[in-house]
């Protein structure tokens, strides 16, 4: 068993070394890929690479997620020595070329709790020690969690998880008086759909469609909020009719029906 574990750890480090060899110079610092922890809880428009990540936090590295490393991610699991115990945090990222020495980063972070914080960052090297950074989208699990990230023809495509509240708010015909939690479910484990986006080099987000196929049965829908049961009925009627991929106009139609059926008659 010990031999198997040793081989597993060795494989993770070999994969990490292979990825490091392919990292562009703009994302290297002191001959290593930029520390993944530098991209957790980002504040401001610049990162001082001398004062971020392990150089600042003094956390203990606790190993690597071999599955993520194999998929091309850079990072590690870590633990804050001030909070000893079984819980570990983690910080990983994957880079995509946005052209003109600009890169998109897909980051995955956790502080050791239930949160799984994901983001799309736009970064550019300003100087040896400084990285310019812009957060384009971010979220935590069902509250805008980012998934399905891939690069195609100089565009980045990805999905964001939607709660019922986020789904309605995404439409141009959104109901401004509808409240999160009180009226519609908005909790971090209340996913009902995914929004799929395209991102170009100009950092402009374009909604491709919304996929309602996240929930198969009404029993799987959240119940939080006074308007949620009515929305659930409308949601399942769309699913039954096979209307699960909604372009902008169909999303607006869905929200208009929600307002007419669930708000005006409430």
C-alpha atoms as a PDB file:
ATOM      1  CA  UNK A   1       0.000   0.000   0.000  1.00  0.00           C
ATOM      2  CA  UNK A   2       2.850   2.400   0.872  1.00  0.00           C
ATOM      3  CA  UNK A   3       4.453   1.711  -2.526  1.00  0.00           C
ATOM      4  CA  UNK A   4       1.182   2.537  -4.295  1.00  0.00           C
ATOM      5  CA  UNK A   5       0.836   5.821  -2.373  1.00  0.00           C
ATOM      6  CA  UNK A   6       4.446   6.764  -3.163  1.00  0.00           C
ATOM      7  CA  UNK A   7       3.896   6.123  -6.881  1.00  0.00           C
ATOM      8  CA  UNK A   8       0.695   8.201  -6.743  1.00  0.00           C
ATOM      9  CA  UNK A   9       2.538  11.143  -5.163  1.00  0.00           C
ATOM     10  CA  UNK A  10       5.441  10.787  -7.603  1.00  0.00           C
ATOM     11  CA  UNK A  11       3.027  10.802 -10.550  1.00  0.00           C
ATOM     12  CA  UNK A  12       1.403  14.000  -9.269  1.00  0.00           C
ATOM     13  CA  UNK A  13       4.781  15.742  -9.007  1.00  0.00           C
ATOM     14  CA  UNK A  14       5.866  14.526 -12.469  1.00  0.00           C
ATOM     15  CA  UNK A  15       2.651  15.850 -13.967  1.00  0.00           C
ATOM     16  CA  UNK A  16       3.170  19.154 -12.150  1.00  0.00           C
ATOM     17  CA  UNK A  17       6.691  19.386 -13.577  1.00  0.00           C
ATOM     18  CA  UNK A  18       5.388  18.688 -17.091  1.00  0.00           C
ATOM     19  CA  UNK A  19       2.798  21.463 -16.768  1.00  0.00           C
ATOM     20  CA  UNK A  20       5.405  23.894 -15.420  1.00  0.00           C
ATOM     21  CA  UNK A  21       7.476  23.368 -18.561  1.00  0.00           C
ATOM     22  CA  UNK A  22       4.533  24.583 -20.685  1.00  0.00           C
ATOM     23  CA  UNK A  23       3.679  27.660 -18.601  1.00  0.00           C
ATOM     24  CA  UNK A  24       4.322  30.951 -20.473  1.00  0.00           C
ATOM     25  CA  UNK A  25       6.914  33.354 -19.087  1.00  0.00           C
ATOM     26  CA  UNK A  26       4.195  35.859 -18.167  1.00  0.00           C
ATOM     27  CA  UNK A  27       2.836  33.370 -15.624  1.00  0.00           C
ATOM     28  CA  UNK A  28       6.192  32.386 -14.115  1.00  0.00           C
ATOM     29  CA  UNK A  29       7.847  33.858 -11.024  1.00  0.00           C
ATOM     30  CA  UNK A  30      11.251  32.826  -9.696  1.00  0.00           C
ATOM     31  CA  UNK A  31      11.386  29.998 -12.279  1.00  0.00           C
ATOM     32  CA  UNK A  32       8.088  28.484 -11.092  1.00  0.00           C
ATOM     33  CA  UNK A  33       4.447  28.959 -12.088  1.00  0.00           C
ATOM     34  CA  UNK A  34       2.822  31.786 -10.136  1.00  0.00           C
ATOM     35  CA  UNK A  35       1.581  30.517  -6.767  1.00  0.00           C
ATOM     36  CA  UNK A  36      -2.084  29.461  -7.074  1.00  0.00           C
ATOM     37  CA  UNK A  37      -2.859  30.872  -3.627  1.00  0.00           C
ATOM     38  CA  UNK A  38      -2.124  34.353  -5.023  1.00  0.00           C
ATOM     39  CA  UNK A  39      -5.479  34.135  -6.828  1.00  0.00           C
ATOM     40  CA  UNK A  40      -7.600  33.406  -3.729  1.00  0.00           C
ATOM     41  CA  UNK A  41      -9.550  36.380  -2.318  1.00  0.00           C
ATOM     42  CA  UNK A  42      -8.084  38.771  -4.872  1.00  0.00           C
ATOM     43  CA  UNK A  43      -8.427  42.466  -4.031  1.00  0.00           C
ATOM     44  CA  UNK A  44      -7.502  45.415  -6.211  1.00  0.00           C
ATOM     45  CA  UNK A  45      -6.264  45.477  -9.802  1.00  0.00           C
ATOM     46  CA  UNK A  46      -2.703  44.291  -9.228  1.00  0.00           C
ATOM     47  CA  UNK A  47      -0.928  41.470  -7.407  1.00  0.00           C
ATOM     48  CA  UNK A  48       2.540  41.898  -5.936  1.00  0.00           C
ATOM     49  CA  UNK A  49       4.058  38.490  -6.626  1.00  0.00           C
ATOM     50  CA  UNK A  50       6.599  38.980  -3.837  1.00  0.00           C
ATOM     51  CA  UNK A  51       3.820  39.405  -1.271  1.00  0.00           C
ATOM     52  CA  UNK A  52       1.128  36.866  -2.114  1.00  0.00           C
ATOM     53  CA  UNK A  53       0.352  33.183  -1.725  1.00  0.00           C
ATOM     54  CA  UNK A  54       2.599  31.139   0.534  1.00  0.00           C
ATOM     55  CA  UNK A  55       5.091  34.018   0.742  1.00  0.00           C
ATOM     56  CA  UNK A  56       2.430  35.975   2.621  1.00  0.00           C
ATOM     57  CA  UNK A  57       0.187  33.377   4.272  1.00  0.00           C
ATOM     58  CA  UNK A  58       2.840  30.907   5.519  1.00  0.00           C
ATOM     59  CA  UNK A  59       0.461  27.978   5.042  1.00  0.00           C
ATOM     60  CA  UNK A  60       1.648  24.379   4.962  1.00  0.00           C
ATOM     61  CA  UNK A  61       1.409  22.535   1.629  1.00  0.00           C
ATOM     62  CA  UNK A  62      -0.510  19.293   2.199  1.00  0.00           C
ATOM     63  CA  UNK A  63      -0.211  17.642  -1.202  1.00  0.00           C
ATOM     64  CA  UNK A  64      -1.818  17.833  -4.619  1.00  0.00           C
ATOM     65  CA  UNK A  65      -5.082  16.794  -6.227  1.00  0.00           C
ATOM     66  CA  UNK A  66      -3.701  14.405  -8.847  1.00  0.00           C
ATOM     67  CA  UNK A  67      -6.929  14.511 -10.863  1.00  0.00           C
ATOM     68  CA  UNK A  68      -6.703  18.295 -11.293  1.00  0.00           C
ATOM     69  CA  UNK A  69      -2.954  18.207 -11.973  1.00  0.00           C
ATOM     70  CA  UNK A  70      -3.541  15.616 -14.700  1.00  0.00           C
ATOM     71  CA  UNK A  71      -6.100  17.950 -16.313  1.00  0.00           C
ATOM     72  CA  UNK A  72      -3.534  20.731 -16.539  1.00  0.00           C
ATOM     73  CA  UNK A  73      -4.212  22.660 -13.350  1.00  0.00           C
ATOM     74  CA  UNK A  74      -1.500  24.305 -11.266  1.00  0.00           C
ATOM     75  CA  UNK A  75      -1.819  24.373  -7.486  1.00  0.00           C
ATOM     76  CA  UNK A  76      -1.906  22.401  -4.260  1.00  0.00           C
ATOM     77  CA  UNK A  77      -3.837  21.603  -1.094  1.00  0.00           C
ATOM     78  CA  UNK A  78      -2.854  23.644   1.958  1.00  0.00           C
ATOM     79  CA  UNK A  79      -3.549  24.089   5.644  1.00  0.00           C
ATOM     80  CA  UNK A  80      -3.404  27.088   7.948  1.00  0.00           C
ATOM     81  CA  UNK A  81      -1.201  26.071  10.925  1.00  0.00           C
ATOM     82  CA  UNK A  82      -3.280  28.359  13.154  1.00  0.00           C
ATOM     83  CA  UNK A  83      -6.273  26.065  12.594  1.00  0.00           C
ATOM     84  CA  UNK A  84      -4.976  22.500  12.965  1.00  0.00           C
ATOM     85  CA  UNK A  85      -7.401  19.715  12.167  1.00  0.00           C
ATOM     86  CA  UNK A  86      -8.579  17.542   9.289  1.00  0.00           C
ATOM     87  CA  UNK A  87      -9.930  20.388   7.118  1.00  0.00           C
ATOM     88  CA  UNK A  88      -7.686  21.479   4.256  1.00  0.00           C
ATOM     89  CA  UNK A  89      -7.971  24.358   1.848  1.00  0.00           C
ATOM     90  CA  UNK A  90      -6.943  24.201  -1.797  1.00  0.00           C
ATOM     91  CA  UNK A  91      -5.969  26.583  -4.575  1.00  0.00           C
ATOM     92  CA  UNK A  92      -5.682  25.641  -8.265  1.00  0.00           C
ATOM     93  CA  UNK A  93      -5.820  27.405 -11.609  1.00  0.00           C
ATOM     94  CA  UNK A  94      -5.695  26.647 -15.308  1.00  0.00           C
ATOM     95  CA  UNK A  95      -4.547  29.209 -17.878  1.00  0.00           C
ATOM     96  CA  UNK A  96      -5.827  29.999 -21.383  1.00  0.00           C
ATOM     97  CA  UNK A  97      -4.217  32.325 -23.923  1.00  0.00           C
ATOM     98  CA  UNK A  98      -6.376  35.398 -24.621  1.00  0.00           C
ATOM     99  CA  UNK A  99      -3.862  36.910 -27.087  1.00  0.00           C
ATOM    100  CA  UNK A 100      -1.623  39.994 -26.886  1.00  0.00           C
ATOM    101  CA  UNK A 101       0.177  38.665 -23.780  1.00  0.00           C
ATOM    102  CA  UNK A 102      -3.127  38.451 -21.896  1.00  0.00           C
ATOM    103  CA  UNK A 103      -4.311  35.247 -20.216  1.00  0.00           C
ATOM    104  CA  UNK A 104      -7.550  33.962 -18.780  1.00  0.00           C
ATOM    105  CA  UNK A 105      -7.270  32.010 -15.554  1.00  0.00           C
ATOM    106  CA  UNK A 106      -9.908  29.619 -14.279  1.00  0.00           C
ATOM    107  CA  UNK A 107      -9.380  29.432 -10.523  1.00  0.00           C
ATOM    108  CA  UNK A 108     -10.714  26.961  -7.957  1.00  0.00           C
ATOM    109  CA  UNK A 109     -10.304  27.730  -4.261  1.00  0.00           C
ATOM    110  CA  UNK A 110     -11.525  26.655  -0.854  1.00  0.00           C
ATOM    111  CA  UNK A 111     -10.612  27.837   2.615  1.00  0.00           C
ATOM    112  CA  UNK A 112     -11.359  24.425   4.097  1.00  0.00           C
ATOM    113  CA  UNK A 113     -15.105  24.896   4.646  1.00  0.00           C
ATOM    114  CA  UNK A 114     -18.049  24.003   2.410  1.00  0.00           C
ATOM    115  CA  UNK A 115     -17.372  26.789  -0.090  1.00  0.00           C
ATOM    116  CA  UNK A 116     -15.977  26.006  -3.536  1.00  0.00           C
ATOM    117  CA  UNK A 117     -15.005  29.378  -4.961  1.00  0.00           C
ATOM    118  CA  UNK A 118     -14.477  29.555  -8.710  1.00  0.00           C
ATOM    119  CA  UNK A 119     -13.625  32.489 -10.968  1.00  0.00           C
ATOM    120  CA  UNK A 120     -12.499  33.601 -14.409  1.00  0.00           C
ATOM    121  CA  UNK A 121      -9.675  36.140 -14.144  1.00  0.00           C
ATOM    122  CA  UNK A 122      -8.046  38.214 -16.879  1.00  0.00           C
ATOM    123  CA  UNK A 123      -4.352  38.778 -16.180  1.00  0.00           C
ATOM    124  CA  UNK A 124      -1.386  40.508 -17.804  1.00  0.00           C
ATOM    125  CA  UNK A 125       2.189  40.784 -16.597  1.00  0.00           C
ATOM    126  CA  UNK A 126       3.048  44.420 -15.865  1.00  0.00           C
ATOM    127  CA  UNK A 127       6.577  43.945 -14.555  1.00  0.00           C
ATOM    128  CA  UNK A 128       8.824  41.335 -12.961  1.00  0.00           C
ATOM    129  CA  UNK A 129       6.940  41.507  -9.657  1.00  0.00           C
ATOM    130  CA  UNK A 130       3.521  42.873 -10.640  1.00  0.00           C
ATOM    131  CA  UNK A 131       0.597  41.103 -12.322  1.00  0.00           C
ATOM    132  CA  UNK A 132      -2.397  43.115 -13.527  1.00  0.00           C
ATOM    133  CA  UNK A 133      -5.628  41.298 -12.729  1.00  0.00           C
ATOM    134  CA  UNK A 134      -9.349  41.674 -13.393  1.00  0.00           C
ATOM    135  CA  UNK A 135     -12.095  39.399 -12.067  1.00  0.00           C
ATOM    136  CA  UNK A 136     -14.563  38.790 -14.909  1.00  0.00           C
ATOM    137  CA  UNK A 137     -16.925  36.353 -13.177  1.00  0.00           C
ATOM    138  CA  UNK A 138     -16.866  34.484  -9.890  1.00  0.00           C
ATOM    139  CA  UNK A 139     -19.122  32.417  -7.678  1.00  0.00           C
ATOM    140  CA  UNK A 140     -19.557  29.750  -5.041  1.00  0.00           C
ATOM    141  CA  UNK A 141     -21.292  26.484  -5.959  1.00  0.00           C
ATOM    142  CA  UNK A 142     -24.892  27.302  -7.015  1.00  0.00           C
ATOM    143  CA  UNK A 143     -24.319  31.020  -6.477  1.00  0.00           C
ATOM    144  CA  UNK A 144     -22.633  31.583  -9.825  1.00  0.00           C
ATOM    145  CA  UNK A 145     -20.089  28.775  -9.582  1.00  0.00           C
ATOM    146  CA  UNK A 146     -18.059  28.528 -12.801  1.00  0.00           C
ATOM    147  CA  UNK A 147     -17.724  25.197 -14.662  1.00  0.00           C
ATOM    148  CA  UNK A 148     -17.239  23.633 -18.115  1.00  0.00           C
ATOM    149  CA  UNK A 149     -14.365  25.961 -19.023  1.00  0.00           C
ATOM    150  CA  UNK A 150     -12.701  25.503 -22.422  1.00  0.00           C
ATOM    151  CA  UNK A 151     -11.000  27.621 -25.081  1.00  0.00           C
ATOM    152  CA  UNK A 152     -12.154  27.529 -28.727  1.00  0.00           C
ATOM    153  CA  UNK A 153     -10.968  29.865 -31.518  1.00  0.00           C
ATOM    154  CA  UNK A 154      -9.597  32.564 -29.191  1.00  0.00           C
ATOM    155  CA  UNK A 155     -12.813  32.519 -27.190  1.00  0.00           C
ATOM    156  CA  UNK A 156     -13.394  31.114 -23.731  1.00  0.00           C
ATOM    157  CA  UNK A 157     -16.612  29.217 -23.120  1.00  0.00           C
ATOM    158  CA  UNK A 158     -17.900  28.328 -19.671  1.00  0.00           C
ATOM    159  CA  UNK A 159     -21.040  27.848 -17.619  1.00  0.00           C
ATOM    160  CA  UNK A 160     -22.279  29.437 -14.416  1.00  0.00           C
ATOM    161  CA  UNK A 161     -24.630  27.737 -11.990  1.00  0.00           C
ATOM    162  CA  UNK A 162     -27.931  29.515 -11.410  1.00  0.00           C
ATOM    163  CA  UNK A 163     -30.311  29.501  -8.472  1.00  0.00           C
ATOM    164  CA  UNK A 164     -33.985  30.207  -9.139  1.00  0.00           C
ATOM    165  CA  UNK A 165     -33.454  33.836  -8.140  1.00  0.00           C
ATOM    166  CA  UNK A 166     -30.431  34.188 -10.450  1.00  0.00           C
ATOM    167  CA  UNK A 167     -32.363  32.603 -13.321  1.00  0.00           C
ATOM    168  CA  UNK A 168     -35.108  35.223 -13.137  1.00  0.00           C
ATOM    169  CA  UNK A 169     -32.631  38.072 -12.573  1.00  0.00           C
ATOM    170  CA  UNK A 170     -30.686  37.106 -15.715  1.00  0.00           C
ATOM    171  CA  UNK A 171     -33.532  38.094 -18.026  1.00  0.00           C
ATOM    172  CA  UNK A 172     -34.025  41.542 -19.529  1.00  0.00           C
ATOM    173  CA  UNK A 173     -37.573  41.242 -18.166  1.00  0.00           C
ATOM    174  CA  UNK A 174     -36.378  40.550 -14.613  1.00  0.00           C
ATOM    175  CA  UNK A 175     -38.760  41.188 -11.728  1.00  0.00           C
ATOM    176  CA  UNK A 176     -36.969  43.802  -9.563  1.00  0.00           C
ATOM    177  CA  UNK A 177     -39.348  43.387  -6.616  1.00  0.00           C
ATOM    178  CA  UNK A 178     -38.641  39.660  -6.251  1.00  0.00           C
ATOM    179  CA  UNK A 179     -36.393  39.057  -3.251  1.00  0.00           C
ATOM    180  CA  UNK A 180     -33.715  36.410  -2.861  1.00  0.00           C
ATOM    181  CA  UNK A 181     -34.479  33.811  -0.185  1.00  0.00           C
ATOM    182  CA  UNK A 182     -37.839  35.377   0.784  1.00  0.00           C
ATOM    183  CA  UNK A 183     -39.480  34.910  -2.632  1.00  0.00           C
ATOM    184  CA  UNK A 184     -37.166  32.577  -4.558  1.00  0.00           C
ATOM    185  CA  UNK A 185     -34.447  30.107  -3.619  1.00  0.00           C
ATOM    186  CA  UNK A 186     -30.941  31.567  -3.664  1.00  0.00           C
ATOM    187  CA  UNK A 187     -28.890  29.262  -1.440  1.00  0.00           C
ATOM    188  CA  UNK A 188     -25.490  27.834  -2.380  1.00  0.00           C
ATOM    189  CA  UNK A 189     -26.928  24.321  -2.828  1.00  0.00           C
ATOM    190  CA  UNK A 190     -30.083  25.408  -4.704  1.00  0.00           C
ATOM    191  CA  UNK A 191     -28.969  24.950  -8.327  1.00  0.00           C
ATOM    192  CA  UNK A 192     -31.748  24.851 -10.925  1.00  0.00           C
ATOM    193  CA  UNK A 193     -29.996  25.753 -14.197  1.00  0.00           C
ATOM    194  CA  UNK A 194     -26.771  26.748 -15.935  1.00  0.00           C
ATOM    195  CA  UNK A 195     -25.997  29.810 -18.031  1.00  0.00           C
ATOM    196  CA  UNK A 196     -23.498  29.205 -20.853  1.00  0.00           C
ATOM    197  CA  UNK A 197     -21.289  32.098 -21.915  1.00  0.00           C
ATOM    198  CA  UNK A 198     -18.712  33.015 -24.556  1.00  0.00           C
ATOM    199  CA  UNK A 199     -15.875  35.370 -23.671  1.00  0.00           C
ATOM    200  CA  UNK A 200     -13.746  37.148 -26.274  1.00  0.00           C
ATOM    201  CA  UNK A 201     -10.398  38.881 -25.958  1.00  0.00           C
ATOM    202  CA  UNK A 202     -12.183  42.200 -25.317  1.00  0.00           C
ATOM    203  CA  UNK A 203     -13.510  40.733 -22.036  1.00  0.00           C
ATOM    204  CA  UNK A 204     -17.121  41.146 -23.190  1.00  0.00           C
ATOM    205  CA  UNK A 205     -19.389  38.368 -21.939  1.00  0.00           C
ATOM    206  CA  UNK A 206     -22.043  37.023 -24.279  1.00  0.00           C
ATOM    207  CA  UNK A 207     -24.808  34.733 -23.046  1.00  0.00           C
ATOM    208  CA  UNK A 208     -25.210  31.759 -25.394  1.00  0.00           C
ATOM    209  CA  UNK A 209     -28.152  30.038 -23.702  1.00  0.00           C
ATOM    210  CA  UNK A 210     -29.571  28.864 -20.393  1.00  0.00           C
ATOM    211  CA  UNK A 211     -29.849  25.130 -19.781  1.00  0.00           C
ATOM    212  CA  UNK A 212     -32.750  24.035 -17.557  1.00  0.00           C
ATOM    213  CA  UNK A 213     -31.683  20.400 -17.700  1.00  0.00           C
ATOM    214  CA  UNK A 214     -30.034  20.601 -14.258  1.00  0.00           C
ATOM    215  CA  UNK A 215     -33.220  19.386 -12.542  1.00  0.00           C
ATOM    216  CA  UNK A 216     -35.103  16.380 -13.890  1.00  0.00           C
ATOM    217  CA  UNK A 217     -38.060  16.141 -11.500  1.00  0.00           C
ATOM    218  CA  UNK A 218     -40.060  18.673  -9.497  1.00  0.00           C
ATOM    219  CA  UNK A 219     -39.040  16.785  -6.351  1.00  0.00           C
ATOM    220  CA  UNK A 220     -35.461  17.888  -7.031  1.00  0.00           C
ATOM    221  CA  UNK A 221     -36.380  21.583  -7.125  1.00  0.00           C
ATOM    222  CA  UNK A 222     -35.652  23.763  -4.085  1.00  0.00           C
ATOM    223  CA  UNK A 223     -38.569  24.870  -1.908  1.00  0.00           C
ATOM    224  CA  UNK A 224     -37.091  28.030  -0.380  1.00  0.00           C
ATOM    225  CA  UNK A 225     -39.223  31.158  -0.975  1.00  0.00           C
ATOM    226  CA  UNK A 226     -42.936  31.952  -1.206  1.00  0.00           C
ATOM    227  CA  UNK A 227     -42.956  32.065  -5.037  1.00  0.00           C
ATOM    228  CA  UNK A 228     -40.782  28.980  -5.482  1.00  0.00           C
ATOM    229  CA  UNK A 229     -43.602  26.363  -5.698  1.00  0.00           C
ATOM    230  CA  UNK A 230     -45.220  28.314  -8.548  1.00  0.00           C
ATOM    231  CA  UNK A 231     -41.898  28.667 -10.370  1.00  0.00           C
ATOM    232  CA  UNK A 232     -41.304  24.939  -9.928  1.00  0.00           C
ATOM    233  CA  UNK A 233     -44.558  24.165 -11.759  1.00  0.00           C
ATOM    234  CA  UNK A 234     -43.599  26.459 -14.640  1.00  0.00           C
ATOM    235  CA  UNK A 235     -40.088  25.014 -14.704  1.00  0.00           C
ATOM    236  CA  UNK A 236     -41.281  21.417 -14.961  1.00  0.00           C
ATOM    237  CA  UNK A 237     -43.829  22.308 -17.658  1.00  0.00           C
ATOM    238  CA  UNK A 238     -40.967  23.618 -19.797  1.00  0.00           C
ATOM    239  CA  UNK A 239     -38.919  20.497 -19.089  1.00  0.00           C
ATOM    240  CA  UNK A 240     -41.851  18.238 -20.004  1.00  0.00           C
ATOM    241  CA  UNK A 241     -42.213  20.044 -23.338  1.00  0.00           C
ATOM    242  CA  UNK A 242     -38.489  19.645 -24.002  1.00  0.00           C
ATOM    243  CA  UNK A 243     -37.814  23.385 -23.703  1.00  0.00           C
ATOM    244  CA  UNK A 244     -34.614  23.037 -21.726  1.00  0.00           C
ATOM    245  CA  UNK A 245     -32.209  25.220 -23.729  1.00  0.00           C
ATOM    246  CA  UNK A 246     -33.358  28.825 -23.671  1.00  0.00           C
ATOM    247  CA  UNK A 247     -31.858  31.557 -25.842  1.00  0.00           C
ATOM    248  CA  UNK A 248     -32.334  35.154 -24.685  1.00  0.00           C
ATOM    249  CA  UNK A 249     -35.800  35.535 -26.221  1.00  0.00           C
ATOM    250  CA  UNK A 250     -37.034  32.251 -24.721  1.00  0.00           C
ATOM    251  CA  UNK A 251     -35.609  33.199 -21.320  1.00  0.00           C
ATOM    252  CA  UNK A 252     -37.481  36.513 -21.489  1.00  0.00           C
ATOM    253  CA  UNK A 253     -40.645  34.600 -22.405  1.00  0.00           C
ATOM    254  CA  UNK A 254     -40.123  32.250 -19.444  1.00  0.00           C
ATOM    255  CA  UNK A 255     -39.702  35.169 -17.028  1.00  0.00           C
ATOM    256  CA  UNK A 256     -42.747  36.956 -18.463  1.00  0.00           C
ATOM    257  CA  UNK A 257     -44.830  33.834 -17.790  1.00  0.00           C
ATOM    258  CA  UNK A 258     -43.389  33.643 -14.273  1.00  0.00           C
ATOM    259  CA  UNK A 259     -44.395  37.259 -13.585  1.00  0.00           C
ATOM    260  CA  UNK A 260     -47.877  36.745 -15.011  1.00  0.00           C
ATOM    261  CA  UNK A 261     -48.533  33.391 -13.336  1.00  0.00           C
ATOM    262  CA  UNK A 262     -46.674  33.619 -10.047  1.00  0.00           C
ATOM    263  CA  UNK A 263     -46.518  37.315  -9.135  1.00  0.00           C
ATOM    264  CA  UNK A 264     -49.752  38.826 -10.435  1.00  0.00           C
ATOM    265  CA  UNK A 265     -51.794  35.944  -9.024  1.00  0.00           C
ATOM    266  CA  UNK A 266     -49.889  35.765  -5.740  1.00  0.00           C
END
